[in-house]
Amino acid sequence: MTTRYTVQLTRSAERDLATIAGYLAQSASPAIAAAFLDTMLDRIAELEQFPERGAIPRELEALGITSFRQLSAKPWRIIYRISETTVTILLIADGRRDMQTLLEQRLLRSTTL
């Protein structure tokens, strides 16, 4: 029997989704924004059954931090943490950004490792 995990998004991850979708709707089209949301929600739903499938973000692994994982839907990265039977989505961002700085700002300063 497979363990089913509860997946939750932090407020900042919810803001990430809304901000990216809003940007895509304005700069590209509402259809592209909707496709982005569908893709992200599908990827997030996968974590209910398979949270361990995500890789450790290389920027954090280089620092010896292995408590975070990521899924990608290029160019987007979903950064999360597993705790018992809960998966918490912490960050959704364009992987082409300066991820080292973003991860330091959003994860390392606000989370006890």
Protein backbone atom coordinates (compact mmCIF):
# COMPACT_ATOMS: atom_id res chain seq x y z
CA MET A 1 0.00 0.00 0.00
CA THR A 2 1.38 3.37 -1.03
CA THR A 3 1.47 6.17 1.51
CA ARG A 4 -0.57 9.17 0.44
CA TYR A 5 0.99 12.50 1.35
CA THR A 6 -0.79 15.75 2.08
CA VAL A 7 0.53 18.51 -0.17
CA GLN A 8 0.31 22.11 0.95
CA LEU A 9 1.58 25.36 -0.52
CA THR A 10 3.01 28.13 1.60
CA ARG A 11 1.61 31.61 1.06
CA SER A 12 4.77 32.58 -0.76
CA ALA A 13 4.45 29.59 -3.12
CA GLU A 14 0.81 30.54 -3.79
CA ARG A 15 2.02 34.08 -4.57
CA ASP A 16 4.66 32.64 -6.88
CA LEU A 17 1.99 30.79 -8.86
CA ALA A 18 -0.28 33.83 -9.05
CA THR A 19 2.55 36.18 -10.01
CA ILE A 20 3.89 33.92 -12.75
CA ALA A 21 0.42 33.21 -14.15
CA GLY A 22 -0.39 36.94 -14.13
CA TYR A 23 2.84 37.75 -15.90
CA LEU A 24 2.25 35.07 -18.53
CA ALA A 25 -1.34 36.24 -19.10
CA GLN A 26 -0.11 39.81 -19.68
CA SER A 27 3.07 39.13 -21.64
CA ALA A 28 1.96 36.08 -23.64
CA SER A 29 -1.71 35.10 -23.40
CA PRO A 30 -4.33 33.90 -20.94
CA ALA A 31 -4.17 30.46 -22.61
CA ILE A 32 -0.45 30.19 -21.89
CA ALA A 33 -1.05 31.26 -18.28
CA ALA A 34 -3.76 28.60 -17.94
CA ALA A 35 -1.46 25.95 -19.43
CA PHE A 36 1.26 26.96 -16.95
CA LEU A 37 -1.16 26.57 -14.03
CA ASP A 38 -2.39 23.21 -15.31
CA THR A 39 1.18 21.94 -15.63
CA MET A 40 2.20 23.16 -12.20
CA LEU A 41 -0.89 21.75 -10.50
CA ASP A 42 -0.35 18.39 -12.22
CA ARG A 43 3.28 18.27 -11.06
CA ILE A 44 2.27 19.26 -7.53
CA ALA A 45 -0.44 16.57 -7.46
CA GLU A 46 2.20 13.94 -8.31
CA LEU A 47 3.78 14.65 -4.93
CA GLU A 48 0.79 13.10 -3.14
CA GLN A 49 2.13 9.67 -4.05
CA PHE A 50 5.76 10.16 -5.05
CA PRO A 51 7.40 12.98 -3.07
CA GLU A 52 10.79 11.25 -2.94
CA ARG A 53 11.08 11.35 -6.75
CA GLY A 54 12.36 14.92 -6.73
CA ALA A 55 16.08 15.63 -6.76
CA ILE A 56 17.91 17.66 -4.16
CA PRO A 57 18.49 21.17 -5.60
CA ARG A 58 22.13 21.28 -6.69
CA GLU A 59 22.62 24.74 -5.18
CA LEU A 60 21.67 23.39 -1.74
CA GLU A 61 23.42 20.05 -2.13
CA ALA A 62 26.66 21.96 -2.76
CA LEU A 63 26.18 23.45 0.73
CA GLY A 64 25.52 20.04 2.27
CA ILE A 65 21.79 20.76 2.69
CA THR A 66 19.74 17.75 1.67
CA SER A 67 16.38 18.40 3.32
CA PHE A 68 14.81 20.06 0.27
CA ARG A 69 13.76 18.54 -3.04
CA GLN A 70 12.65 19.84 -6.39
CA LEU A 71 10.55 18.96 -9.39
CA SER A 72 10.92 20.74 -12.66
CA ALA A 73 8.69 21.52 -15.57
CA LYS A 74 11.23 23.44 -17.61
CA PRO A 75 11.98 26.20 -17.08
CA TRP A 76 10.03 26.15 -13.80
CA ARG A 77 11.27 24.63 -10.55
CA ILE A 78 9.09 23.58 -7.63
CA ILE A 79 11.06 23.46 -4.37
CA TYR A 80 9.57 21.52 -1.47
CA ARG A 81 10.25 19.76 1.79
CA ILE A 82 8.91 16.44 3.08
CA SER A 83 7.98 16.05 6.73
CA GLU A 84 6.46 12.70 7.73
CA THR A 85 3.37 12.51 5.47
CA THR A 86 3.24 16.18 4.51
CA VAL A 87 4.85 17.81 1.49
CA THR A 88 5.21 21.57 1.76
CA ILE A 89 5.77 23.55 -1.44
CA LEU A 90 8.03 26.45 -0.54
CA LEU A 91 8.97 28.06 -3.83
CA ILE A 92 7.99 28.05 -7.49
CA ALA A 93 10.37 29.93 -9.75
CA ASP A 94 11.88 30.21 -13.18
CA GLY A 95 15.00 28.05 -13.06
CA ARG A 96 16.86 30.57 -15.22
CA ARG A 97 16.91 33.02 -12.31
CA ASP A 98 19.81 33.32 -9.90
CA MET A 99 18.59 30.34 -7.90
CA GLN A 100 21.44 30.41 -5.38
CA THR A 101 20.42 33.87 -4.17
CA LEU A 102 16.70 33.11 -4.37
CA LEU A 103 17.08 29.91 -2.34
CA GLU A 104 19.17 31.69 0.27
CA GLN A 105 16.61 34.47 0.60
CA ARG A 106 13.49 32.35 0.61
CA LEU A 107 14.55 29.09 2.24
CA LEU A 108 17.71 29.36 4.25
CA ARG A 109 16.94 32.61 6.06
CA SER A 110 13.33 31.74 6.85
CA THR A 111 13.67 28.03 7.69
CA THR A 112 15.52 26.26 10.45
CA LEU A 113 17.62 23.60 8.83
